[in-house]
Amino acid sequence: MSAMVISSLDRFIGMAKKLESSGVTNIHLCYAKGTANLDLSVVALVPFVDYVIVGEDAHRLPYLKHIITEAHLRQIPVLPEERITAVKSNNG
Protein backbone atom coordinates (compact mmCIF):
# COMPACT_ATOMS: atom_id res chain seq x y z
CA MET A 1 0.00 0.00 0.00
CA SER A 2 1.03 3.58 -0.48
CA ALA A 3 0.14 6.98 0.89
CA MET A 4 0.83 10.62 0.20
CA VAL A 5 1.27 12.64 3.38
CA ILE A 6 0.79 16.40 3.15
CA SER A 7 2.49 17.99 6.14
CA SER A 8 5.64 19.50 7.58
CA LEU A 9 8.67 17.27 7.99
CA ASP A 10 8.29 17.10 11.78
CA ARG A 11 4.68 15.88 11.58
CA PHE A 12 5.53 13.53 8.71
CA ILE A 13 7.99 11.54 10.82
CA GLY A 14 5.34 10.67 13.39
CA MET A 15 2.72 9.87 10.77
CA ALA A 16 5.11 7.70 8.76
CA LYS A 17 5.72 5.46 11.76
CA LYS A 18 1.97 4.98 12.25
CA LEU A 19 1.43 4.26 8.57
CA GLU A 20 4.25 1.71 8.51
CA SER A 21 2.60 -0.04 11.46
CA SER A 22 -0.57 -0.26 9.36
CA GLY A 23 1.24 -1.93 6.46
CA VAL A 24 1.88 1.08 4.24
CA THR A 25 5.23 0.46 2.55
CA ASN A 26 5.49 3.45 0.18
CA ILE A 27 5.05 6.82 1.86
CA HIS A 28 5.47 10.05 -0.10
CA LEU A 29 5.86 13.44 1.58
CA CYS A 30 4.28 16.49 0.05
CA TYR A 31 6.02 19.18 2.06
CA ALA A 32 3.45 21.74 3.16
CA LYS A 33 5.37 24.89 2.51
CA GLY A 34 3.91 28.24 1.64
CA THR A 35 4.80 28.35 -2.05
CA ALA A 36 2.19 29.69 -4.43
CA ASN A 37 3.54 27.71 -7.40
CA LEU A 38 1.45 24.68 -8.24
CA ASP A 39 3.69 21.60 -8.23
CA LEU A 40 2.17 19.45 -10.96
CA SER A 41 4.41 16.51 -10.08
CA VAL A 42 2.67 16.25 -6.70
CA VAL A 43 -0.80 16.30 -8.25
CA ALA A 44 0.36 13.77 -10.86
CA LEU A 45 1.40 11.36 -8.10
CA VAL A 46 -2.09 11.22 -6.56
CA PRO A 47 -3.48 8.50 -8.89
CA PHE A 48 -0.69 6.16 -7.81
CA VAL A 49 -1.33 6.18 -4.05
CA ASP A 50 -3.92 4.32 -1.99
CA TYR A 51 -4.46 7.11 0.57
CA VAL A 52 -3.94 10.84 0.89
CA ILE A 53 -3.26 11.89 4.48
CA VAL A 54 -3.74 15.58 5.31
CA GLY A 55 -1.62 16.73 8.24
CA GLU A 56 -2.81 19.33 10.72
CA ASP A 57 -0.41 21.85 9.20
CA ALA A 58 -1.29 21.12 5.56
CA HIS A 59 -3.30 24.33 5.30
CA ARG A 60 0.01 26.08 4.50
CA LEU A 61 -0.01 24.48 1.05
CA PRO A 62 -1.87 26.83 -1.32
CA TYR A 63 -2.72 24.08 -3.82
CA LEU A 64 -4.03 21.59 -1.24
CA LYS A 65 -7.47 21.88 -2.84
CA HIS A 66 -6.08 20.62 -6.17
CA ILE A 67 -4.62 17.52 -4.52
CA ILE A 68 -7.83 16.73 -2.64
CA THR A 69 -9.95 17.27 -5.77
CA GLU A 70 -7.74 14.89 -7.76
CA ALA A 71 -8.01 12.26 -5.01
CA HIS A 72 -11.81 12.57 -4.87
CA LEU A 73 -12.10 12.30 -8.67
CA ARG A 74 -10.13 9.05 -8.53
CA GLN A 75 -11.98 7.78 -5.43
CA ILE A 76 -8.83 7.75 -3.31
CA PRO A 77 -9.57 8.12 0.41
CA VAL A 78 -8.50 11.45 1.91
CA LEU A 79 -7.99 11.22 5.66
CA PRO A 80 -7.06 13.83 8.26
CA GLU A 81 -3.95 13.10 10.30
CA GLU A 82 -5.94 11.99 13.35
CA ARG A 83 -7.63 9.22 11.30
CA ILE A 84 -4.44 7.38 10.33
CA THR A 85 -5.65 4.42 12.38
CA ALA A 86 -8.36 3.94 9.71
CA VAL A 87 -5.64 2.84 7.26
CA LYS A 88 -5.67 -0.94 7.18
CA SER A 89 -3.43 -3.27 5.25
CA ASN A 90 -5.08 -5.41 2.59
CA ASN A 91 -2.65 -8.17 3.58
CA GLY A 92 -3.96 -8.56 7.13
PDB file of N, CA and C in Angstrom:
ATOM      1  N   MET A   1       0.840  -1.183   0.000  1.00  0.00           N
ATOM      2  CA  MET A   1       0.000   0.000   0.000  1.00  0.00           C
ATOM      3  C   MET A   1       0.878   1.237   0.000  1.00  0.00           C
ATOM      4  N   SER A   2       0.285   2.329  -0.422  1.00  0.00           N
ATOM      5  CA  SER A   2       1.034   3.577  -0.481  1.00  0.00           C
ATOM      6  C   SER A   2       0.168   4.739  -0.007  1.00  0.00           C
ATOM      7  N   ALA A   3       0.845   5.790   0.410  1.00  0.00           N
ATOM      8  CA  ALA A   3       0.140   6.982   0.885  1.00  0.00           C
ATOM      9  C   ALA A   3       0.941   8.225   0.555  1.00  0.00           C
ATOM     10  N   MET A   4       0.220   9.307   0.320  1.00  0.00           N
ATOM     11  CA  MET A   4       0.828  10.623   0.199  1.00  0.00           C
ATOM     12  C   MET A   4       0.468  11.370   1.478  1.00  0.00           C
ATOM     13  N   VAL A   5       1.481  11.885   2.150  1.00  0.00           N
ATOM     14  CA  VAL A   5       1.272  12.643   3.379  1.00  0.00           C
ATOM     15  C   VAL A   5       1.576  14.106   3.082  1.00  0.00           C
ATOM     16  N   ILE A   6       0.616  14.967   3.359  1.00  0.00           N
ATOM     17  CA  ILE A   6       0.791  16.402   3.150  1.00  0.00           C
ATOM     18  C   ILE A   6       0.971  17.031   4.523  1.00  0.00           C
ATOM     19  N   SER A   7       2.199  17.452   4.815  1.00  0.00           N
ATOM     20  CA  SER A   7       2.494  17.993   6.143  1.00  0.00           C
ATOM     21  C   SER A   7       3.892  18.588   6.172  1.00  0.00           C
ATOM     22  N   SER A   8       4.255  19.082   7.345  1.00  0.00           N
ATOM     23  CA  SER A   8       5.636  19.504   7.579  1.00  0.00           C
ATOM     24  C   SER A   8       6.474  18.257   7.830  1.00  0.00           C
ATOM     25  N   LEU A   9       7.778  18.406   7.777  1.00  0.00           N
ATOM     26  CA  LEU A   9       8.671  17.268   7.993  1.00  0.00           C
ATOM     27  C   LEU A   9       8.527  16.705   9.403  1.00  0.00           C
ATOM     28  N   ASP A  10       8.411  17.566  10.398  1.00  0.00           N
ATOM     29  CA  ASP A  10       8.286  17.102  11.782  1.00  0.00           C
ATOM     30  C   ASP A  10       7.045  16.236  11.973  1.00  0.00           C
ATOM     31  N   ARG A  11       5.924  16.650  11.442  1.00  0.00           N
ATOM     32  CA  ARG A  11       4.684  15.878  11.581  1.00  0.00           C
ATOM     33  C   ARG A  11       4.755  14.603  10.741  1.00  0.00           C
ATOM     34  N   PHE A  12       5.415  14.682   9.599  1.00  0.00           N
ATOM     35  CA  PHE A  12       5.534  13.532   8.709  1.00  0.00           C
ATOM     36  C   PHE A  12       6.206  12.356   9.403  1.00  0.00           C
ATOM     37  N   ILE A  13       7.243  12.617  10.156  1.00  0.00           N
ATOM     38  CA  ILE A  13       7.991  11.542  10.818  1.00  0.00           C
ATOM     39  C   ILE A  13       7.075  10.715  11.714  1.00  0.00           C
ATOM     40  N   GLY A  14       6.267  11.380  12.520  1.00  0.00           N
ATOM     41  CA  GLY A  14       5.337  10.665  13.393  1.00  0.00           C
ATOM     42  C   GLY A  14       4.272   9.908  12.617  1.00  0.00           C
ATOM     43  N   MET A  15       3.752  10.527  11.564  1.00  0.00           N
ATOM     44  CA  MET A  15       2.715   9.874  10.766  1.00  0.00           C
ATOM     45  C   MET A  15       3.279   8.685  10.003  1.00  0.00           C
ATOM     46  N   ALA A  16       4.505   8.794   9.513  1.00  0.00           N
ATOM     47  CA  ALA A  16       5.113   7.700   8.756  1.00  0.00           C
ATOM     48  C   ALA A  16       5.233   6.443   9.615  1.00  0.00           C
ATOM     49  N   LYS A  17       5.603   6.614  10.865  1.00  0.00           N
ATOM     50  CA  LYS A  17       5.718   5.455  11.763  1.00  0.00           C
ATOM     51  C   LYS A  17       4.368   4.768  11.935  1.00  0.00           C
ATOM     52  N   LYS A  18       3.310   5.555  12.100  1.00  0.00           N
ATOM     53  CA  LYS A  18       1.968   4.976  12.255  1.00  0.00           C
ATOM     54  C   LYS A  18       1.523   4.279  10.975  1.00  0.00           C
ATOM     55  N   LEU A  19       1.812   4.874   9.839  1.00  0.00           N
ATOM     56  CA  LEU A  19       1.429   4.264   8.569  1.00  0.00           C
ATOM     57  C   LEU A  19       2.182   2.960   8.331  1.00  0.00           C
ATOM     58  N   GLU A  20       3.470   2.941   8.653  1.00  0.00           N
ATOM     59  CA  GLU A  20       4.251   1.710   8.510  1.00  0.00           C
ATOM     60  C   GLU A  20       3.672   0.604   9.378  1.00  0.00           C
ATOM     61  N   SER A  21       3.212   0.947  10.567  1.00  0.00           N
ATOM     62  CA  SER A  21       2.598  -0.037  11.460  1.00  0.00           C
ATOM     63  C   SER A  21       1.307  -0.598  10.873  1.00  0.00           C
ATOM     64  N   SER A  22       0.672   0.174   9.997  1.00  0.00           N
ATOM     65  CA  SER A  22      -0.574  -0.259   9.359  1.00  0.00           C
ATOM     66  C   SER A  22      -0.334  -0.994   8.046  1.00  0.00           C
ATOM     67  N   GLY A  23       0.929  -1.186   7.673  1.00  0.00           N
ATOM     68  CA  GLY A  23       1.243  -1.930   6.465  1.00  0.00           C
ATOM     69  C   GLY A  23       1.493  -1.089   5.229  1.00  0.00           C
ATOM     70  N   VAL A  24       1.585   0.217   5.385  1.00  0.00           N
ATOM     71  CA  VAL A  24       1.881   1.084   4.244  1.00  0.00           C
ATOM     72  C   VAL A  24       3.392   1.047   4.012  1.00  0.00           C
ATOM     73  N   THR A  25       3.805   0.625   2.824  1.00  0.00           N
ATOM     74  CA  THR A  25       5.234   0.458   2.548  1.00  0.00           C
ATOM     75  C   THR A  25       5.832   1.595   1.729  1.00  0.00           C
ATOM     76  N   ASN A  26       5.016   2.310   0.977  1.00  0.00           N
ATOM     77  CA  ASN A  26       5.486   3.452   0.183  1.00  0.00           C
ATOM     78  C   ASN A  26       4.804   4.712   0.691  1.00  0.00           C
ATOM     79  N   ILE A  27       5.593   5.601   1.272  1.00  0.00           N
ATOM     80  CA  ILE A  27       5.046   6.824   1.860  1.00  0.00           C
ATOM     81  C   ILE A  27       5.736   8.016   1.210  1.00  0.00           C
ATOM     82  N   HIS A  28       4.948   8.886   0.617  1.00  0.00           N
ATOM     83  CA  HIS A  28       5.466  10.051  -0.102  1.00  0.00           C
ATOM     84  C   HIS A  28       5.112  11.313   0.673  1.00  0.00           C
ATOM     85  N   LEU A  29       6.087  12.171   0.875  1.00  0.00           N
ATOM     86  CA  LEU A  29       5.864  13.437   1.576  1.00  0.00           C
ATOM     87  C   LEU A  29       5.615  14.548   0.570  1.00  0.00           C
ATOM     88  N   CYS A  30       4.524  15.238   0.753  1.00  0.00           N
ATOM     89  CA  CYS A  30       4.280  16.493   0.048  1.00  0.00           C
ATOM     90  C   CYS A  30       4.489  17.565   1.102  1.00  0.00           C
ATOM     91  N   TYR A  31       5.626  18.213   1.037  1.00  0.00           N
ATOM     92  CA  TYR A  31       6.024  19.175   2.063  1.00  0.00           C
ATOM     93  C   TYR A  31       5.117  20.400   2.009  1.00  0.00           C
ATOM     94  N   ALA A  32       4.406  20.632   3.085  1.00  0.00           N
ATOM     95  CA  ALA A  32       3.446  21.739   3.161  1.00  0.00           C
ATOM     96  C   ALA A  32       4.173  23.041   3.434  1.00  0.00           C
ATOM     97  N   LYS A  33       4.690  23.610   2.388  1.00  0.00           N
ATOM     98  CA  LYS A  33       5.370  24.895   2.514  1.00  0.00           C
ATOM     99  C   LYS A  33       4.539  25.948   1.793  1.00  0.00           C
ATOM    100  N   GLY A  34       4.728  27.157   2.168  1.00  0.00           N
ATOM    101  CA  GLY A  34       3.914  28.238   1.638  1.00  0.00           C
ATOM    102  C   GLY A  34       4.359  28.754   0.290  1.00  0.00           C
ATOM    103  N   THR A  35       4.451  27.896  -0.707  1.00  0.00           N
ATOM    104  CA  THR A  35       4.798  28.351  -2.050  1.00  0.00           C
ATOM    105  C   THR A  35       3.526  28.448  -2.883  1.00  0.00           C
ATOM    106  N   ALA A  36       3.400  29.492  -3.634  1.00  0.00           N
ATOM    107  CA  ALA A  36       2.193  29.694  -4.429  1.00  0.00           C
ATOM    108  C   ALA A  36       2.234  28.917  -5.741  1.00  0.00           C
ATOM    109  N   ASN A  37       3.403  28.429  -6.130  1.00  0.00           N
ATOM    110  CA  ASN A  37       3.543  27.711  -7.397  1.00  0.00           C
ATOM    111  C   ASN A  37       2.950  26.313  -7.294  1.00  0.00           C
ATOM    112  N   LEU A  38       2.060  25.997  -8.202  1.00  0.00           N
ATOM    113  CA  LEU A  38       1.450  24.676  -8.244  1.00  0.00           C
ATOM    114  C   LEU A  38       2.490  23.666  -8.706  1.00  0.00           C
ATOM    115  N   ASP A  39       2.740  22.652  -7.889  1.00  0.00           N
ATOM    116  CA  ASP A  39       3.693  21.598  -8.227  1.00  0.00           C
ATOM    117  C   ASP A  39       2.920  20.463  -8.900  1.00  0.00           C
ATOM    118  N   LEU A  40       2.933  20.450 -10.215  1.00  0.00           N
ATOM    119  CA  LEU A  40       2.168  19.451 -10.959  1.00  0.00           C
ATOM    120  C   LEU A  40       2.641  18.030 -10.699  1.00  0.00           C
ATOM    121  N   SER A  41       3.915  17.861 -10.348  1.00  0.00           N
ATOM    122  CA  SER A  41       4.414  16.512 -10.076  1.00  0.00           C
ATOM    123  C   SER A  41       3.725  15.911  -8.855  1.00  0.00           C
ATOM    124  N   VAL A  42       3.368  16.737  -7.892  1.00  0.00           N
ATOM    125  CA  VAL A  42       2.667  16.246  -6.701  1.00  0.00           C
ATOM    126  C   VAL A  42       1.255  15.817  -7.072  1.00  0.00           C
ATOM    127  N   VAL A  43       0.562  16.640  -7.827  1.00  0.00           N
ATOM    128  CA  VAL A  43      -0.800  16.301  -8.250  1.00  0.00           C
ATOM    129  C   VAL A  43      -0.776  15.059  -9.142  1.00  0.00           C
ATOM    130  N   ALA A  44       0.243  14.927  -9.976  1.00  0.00           N
ATOM    131  CA  ALA A  44       0.358  13.769 -10.865  1.00  0.00           C
ATOM    132  C   ALA A  44       0.604  12.470 -10.104  1.00  0.00           C
ATOM    133  N   LEU A  45       1.138  12.547  -8.907  1.00  0.00           N
ATOM    134  CA  LEU A  45       1.402  11.355  -8.098  1.00  0.00           C
ATOM    135  C   LEU A  45       0.131  10.791  -7.459  1.00  0.00           C
ATOM    136  N   VAL A  46      -0.870  11.620  -7.276  1.00  0.00           N
ATOM    137  CA  VAL A  46      -2.087  11.219  -6.561  1.00  0.00           C
ATOM    138  C   VAL A  46      -2.709   9.929  -7.098  1.00  0.00           C
ATOM    139  N   PRO A  47      -2.850   9.732  -8.406  1.00  0.00           N
ATOM    140  CA  PRO A  47      -3.483   8.500  -8.889  1.00  0.00           C
ATOM    141  C   PRO A  47      -2.741   7.214  -8.520  1.00  0.00           C
ATOM    142  N   PHE A  48      -1.510   7.339  -8.078  1.00  0.00           N
ATOM    143  CA  PHE A  48      -0.692   6.161  -7.805  1.00  0.00           C
ATOM    144  C   PHE A  48      -0.582   5.815  -6.326  1.00  0.00           C
ATOM    145  N   VAL A  49      -1.355   6.484  -5.476  1.00  0.00           N
ATOM    146  CA  VAL A  49      -1.333   6.178  -4.046  1.00  0.00           C
ATOM    147  C   VAL A  49      -2.688   5.619  -3.629  1.00  0.00           C
ATOM    148  N   ASP A  50      -2.682   4.892  -2.514  1.00  0.00           N
ATOM    149  CA  ASP A  50      -3.921   4.318  -1.992  1.00  0.00           C
ATOM    150  C   ASP A  50      -4.644   5.259  -1.038  1.00  0.00           C
ATOM    151  N   TYR A  51      -3.895   6.157  -0.395  1.00  0.00           N
ATOM    152  CA  TYR A  51      -4.461   7.106   0.567  1.00  0.00           C
ATOM    153  C   TYR A  51      -3.771   8.453   0.432  1.00  0.00           C
ATOM    154  N   VAL A  52      -4.510   9.515   0.718  1.00  0.00           N
ATOM    155  CA  VAL A  52      -3.937  10.845   0.885  1.00  0.00           C
ATOM    156  C   VAL A  52      -4.209  11.239   2.332  1.00  0.00           C
ATOM    157  N   ILE A  53      -3.145  11.512   3.077  1.00  0.00           N
ATOM    158  CA  ILE A  53      -3.255  11.892   4.482  1.00  0.00           C
ATOM    159  C   ILE A  53      -2.962  13.387   4.588  1.00  0.00           C
ATOM    160  N   VAL A  54      -3.881  14.131   5.174  1.00  0.00           N
ATOM    161  CA  VAL A  54      -3.741  15.580   5.306  1.00  0.00           C
ATOM    162  C   VAL A  54      -3.343  15.906   6.744  1.00  0.00           C
ATOM    163  N   GLY A  55      -2.119  16.372   6.918  1.00  0.00           N
ATOM    164  CA  GLY A  55      -1.622  16.734   8.241  1.00  0.00           C
ATOM    165  C   GLY A  55      -2.290  17.987   8.775  1.00  0.00           C
ATOM    166  N   GLU A  56      -2.196  18.164  10.080  1.00  0.00           N
ATOM    167  CA  GLU A  56      -2.813  19.328  10.724  1.00  0.00           C
ATOM    168  C   GLU A  56      -2.250  20.640  10.202  1.00  0.00           C
ATOM    169  N   ASP A  57      -1.030  20.622   9.698  1.00  0.00           N
ATOM    170  CA  ASP A  57      -0.408  21.851   9.202  1.00  0.00           C
ATOM    171  C   ASP A  57      -0.431  21.951   7.673  1.00  0.00           C
ATOM    172  N   ALA A  58      -1.228  21.129   7.022  1.00  0.00           N
ATOM    173  CA  ALA A  58      -1.285  21.120   5.558  1.00  0.00           C
ATOM    174  C   ALA A  58      -1.929  22.373   4.978  1.00  0.00           C
ATOM    175  N   HIS A  59      -2.632  23.119   5.791  1.00  0.00           N
ATOM    176  CA  HIS A  59      -3.297  24.335   5.302  1.00  0.00           C
ATOM    177  C   HIS A  59      -2.305  25.346   4.731  1.00  0.00           C
ATOM    178  N   ARG A  60      -1.025  25.177   5.028  1.00  0.00           N
ATOM    179  CA  ARG A  60       0.009  26.079   4.495  1.00  0.00           C
ATOM    180  C   ARG A  60       0.232  25.889   3.000  1.00  0.00           C
ATOM    181  N   LEU A  61      -0.233  24.795   2.461  1.00  0.00           N
ATOM    182  CA  LEU A  61      -0.011  24.485   1.048  1.00  0.00           C
ATOM    183  C   LEU A  61      -1.133  25.105   0.216  1.00  0.00           C
ATOM    184  N   PRO A  62      -0.823  26.126  -0.578  1.00  0.00           N
ATOM    185  CA  PRO A  62      -1.870  26.831  -1.321  1.00  0.00           C
ATOM    186  C   PRO A  62      -2.648  25.951  -2.307  1.00  0.00           C
ATOM    187  N   TYR A  63      -2.024  24.911  -2.838  1.00  0.00           N
ATOM    188  CA  TYR A  63      -2.716  24.077  -3.821  1.00  0.00           C
ATOM    189  C   TYR A  63      -3.237  22.772  -3.218  1.00  0.00           C
ATOM    190  N   LEU A  64      -3.469  22.760  -1.919  1.00  0.00           N
ATOM    191  CA  LEU A  64      -4.032  21.587  -1.243  1.00  0.00           C
ATOM    192  C   LEU A  64      -5.358  21.181  -1.885  1.00  0.00           C
ATOM    193  N   LYS A  65      -6.167  22.161  -2.230  1.00  0.00           N
ATOM    194  CA  LYS A  65      -7.472  21.882  -2.836  1.00  0.00           C
ATOM    195  C   LYS A  65      -7.326  21.079  -4.128  1.00  0.00           C
ATOM    196  N   HIS A  66      -6.300  21.357  -4.916  1.00  0.00           N
ATOM    197  CA  HIS A  66      -6.078  20.622  -6.168  1.00  0.00           C
ATOM    198  C   HIS A  66      -5.775  19.149  -5.893  1.00  0.00           C
ATOM    199  N   ILE A  67      -4.975  18.895  -4.875  1.00  0.00           N
ATOM    200  CA  ILE A  67      -4.620  17.517  -4.520  1.00  0.00           C
ATOM    201  C   ILE A  67      -5.855  16.760  -4.046  1.00  0.00           C
ATOM    202  N   ILE A  68      -6.632  17.382  -3.182  1.00  0.00           N
ATOM    203  CA  ILE A  68      -7.834  16.732  -2.645  1.00  0.00           C
ATOM    204  C   ILE A  68      -8.854  16.485  -3.754  1.00  0.00           C
ATOM    205  N   THR A  69      -9.025  17.441  -4.648  1.00  0.00           N
ATOM    206  CA  THR A  69      -9.953  17.267  -5.771  1.00  0.00           C
ATOM    207  C   THR A  69      -9.528  16.092  -6.644  1.00  0.00           C
ATOM    208  N   GLU A  70      -8.246  16.002  -6.947  1.00  0.00           N
ATOM    209  CA  GLU A  70      -7.738  14.889  -7.757  1.00  0.00           C
ATOM    210  C   GLU A  70      -7.993  13.551  -7.064  1.00  0.00           C
ATOM    211  N   ALA A  71      -7.767  13.498  -5.766  1.00  0.00           N
ATOM    212  CA  ALA A  71      -8.012  12.261  -5.011  1.00  0.00           C
ATOM    213  C   ALA A  71      -9.495  11.889  -5.043  1.00  0.00           C
ATOM    214  N   HIS A  72     -10.371  12.853  -4.848  1.00  0.00           N
ATOM    215  CA  HIS A  72     -11.811  12.568  -4.874  1.00  0.00           C
ATOM    216  C   HIS A  72     -12.262  12.094  -6.254  1.00  0.00           C
ATOM    217  N   LEU A  73     -11.745  12.714  -7.308  1.00  0.00           N
ATOM    218  CA  LEU A  73     -12.105  12.298  -8.666  1.00  0.00           C
ATOM    219  C   LEU A  73     -11.708  10.852  -8.931  1.00  0.00           C
ATOM    220  N   ARG A  74     -10.630  10.415  -8.318  1.00  0.00           N
ATOM    221  CA  ARG A  74     -10.132   9.051  -8.525  1.00  0.00           C
ATOM    222  C   ARG A  74     -10.551   8.096  -7.408  1.00  0.00           C
ATOM    223  N   GLN A  75     -11.439   8.570  -6.535  1.00  0.00           N
ATOM    224  CA  GLN A  75     -11.983   7.776  -5.428  1.00  0.00           C
ATOM    225  C   GLN A  75     -10.895   7.237  -4.508  1.00  0.00           C
ATOM    226  N   ILE A  76      -9.907   8.078  -4.245  1.00  0.00           N
ATOM    227  CA  ILE A  76      -8.831   7.745  -3.314  1.00  0.00           C
ATOM    228  C   ILE A  76      -9.191   8.356  -1.967  1.00  0.00           C
ATOM    229  N   PRO A  77      -9.201   7.574  -0.901  1.00  0.00           N
ATOM    230  CA  PRO A  77      -9.569   8.117   0.409  1.00  0.00           C
ATOM    231  C   PRO A  77      -8.635   9.245   0.853  1.00  0.00           C
ATOM    232  N   VAL A  78      -9.229  10.322   1.344  1.00  0.00           N
ATOM    233  CA  VAL A  78      -8.495  11.453   1.907  1.00  0.00           C
ATOM    234  C   VAL A  78      -8.818  11.476   3.393  1.00  0.00           C
ATOM    235  N   LEU A  79      -7.791  11.300   4.220  1.00  0.00           N
ATOM    236  CA  LEU A  79      -7.994  11.219   5.663  1.00  0.00           C
ATOM    237  C   LEU A  79      -7.227  12.317   6.382  1.00  0.00           C
ATOM    238  N   PRO A  80      -7.829  12.895   7.421  1.00  0.00           N
ATOM    239  CA  PRO A  80      -7.062  13.825   8.255  1.00  0.00           C
ATOM    240  C   PRO A  80      -6.054  13.042   9.089  1.00  0.00           C
ATOM    241  N   GLU A  81      -5.034  13.723   9.532  1.00  0.00           N
ATOM    242  CA  GLU A  81      -3.953  13.103  10.304  1.00  0.00           C
ATOM    243  C   GLU A  81      -4.464  12.243  11.458  1.00  0.00           C
ATOM    244  N   GLU A  82      -5.462  12.722  12.167  1.00  0.00           N
ATOM    245  CA  GLU A  82      -5.941  11.988  13.347  1.00  0.00           C
ATOM    246  C   GLU A  82      -6.679  10.697  12.994  1.00  0.00           C
ATOM    247  N   ARG A  83      -6.934  10.446  11.714  1.00  0.00           N
ATOM    248  CA  ARG A  83      -7.628   9.222  11.298  1.00  0.00           C
ATOM    249  C   ARG A  83      -6.690   8.192  10.679  1.00  0.00           C
ATOM    250  N   ILE A  84      -5.396   8.327  10.902  1.00  0.00           N
ATOM    251  CA  ILE A  84      -4.436   7.376  10.328  1.00  0.00           C
ATOM    252  C   ILE A  84      -4.758   5.947  10.750  1.00  0.00           C
ATOM    253  N   THR A  85      -5.326   5.773  11.918  1.00  0.00           N
ATOM    254  CA  THR A  85      -5.653   4.423  12.384  1.00  0.00           C
ATOM    255  C   THR A  85      -6.689   3.751  11.486  1.00  0.00           C
ATOM    256  N   ALA A  86      -7.382   4.520  10.636  1.00  0.00           N
ATOM    257  CA  ALA A  86      -8.357   3.943   9.712  1.00  0.00           C
ATOM    258  C   ALA A  86      -7.679   3.240   8.535  1.00  0.00           C
ATOM    259  N   VAL A  87      -6.388   3.486   8.349  1.00  0.00           N
ATOM    260  CA  VAL A  87      -5.641   2.843   7.265  1.00  0.00           C
ATOM    261  C   VAL A  87      -5.364   1.404   7.673  1.00  0.00           C
ATOM    262  N   LYS A  88      -5.853   0.482   6.888  1.00  0.00           N
ATOM    263  CA  LYS A  88      -5.675  -0.938   7.183  1.00  0.00           C
ATOM    264  C   LYS A  88      -5.021  -1.625   6.001  1.00  0.00           C
ATOM    265  N   SER A  89      -4.118  -2.511   6.295  1.00  0.00           N
ATOM    266  CA  SER A  89      -3.430  -3.269   5.254  1.00  0.00           C
ATOM    267  C   SER A  89      -4.386  -4.264   4.613  1.00  0.00           C
ATOM    268  N   ASN A  90      -4.288  -4.403   3.305  1.00  0.00           N
ATOM    269  CA  ASN A  90      -5.075  -5.408   2.594  1.00  0.00           C
ATOM    270  C   ASN A  90      -4.510  -6.804   2.803  1.00  0.00           C
ATOM    271  N   ASN A  91      -3.309  -6.879   3.366  1.00  0.00           N
ATOM    272  CA  ASN A  91      -2.654  -8.170   3.576  1.00  0.00           C
ATOM    273  C   ASN A  91      -3.056  -8.812   4.888  1.00  0.00           C
ATOM    274  N   GLY A  92      -3.682  -8.050   5.790  1.00  0.00           N
ATOM    275  CA  GLY A  92      -3.957  -8.558   7.126  1.00  0.00           C
ATOM    276  C   GLY A  92      -5.322  -8.899   7.296  1.00  0.00           C
TER     277      GLY A  92
END
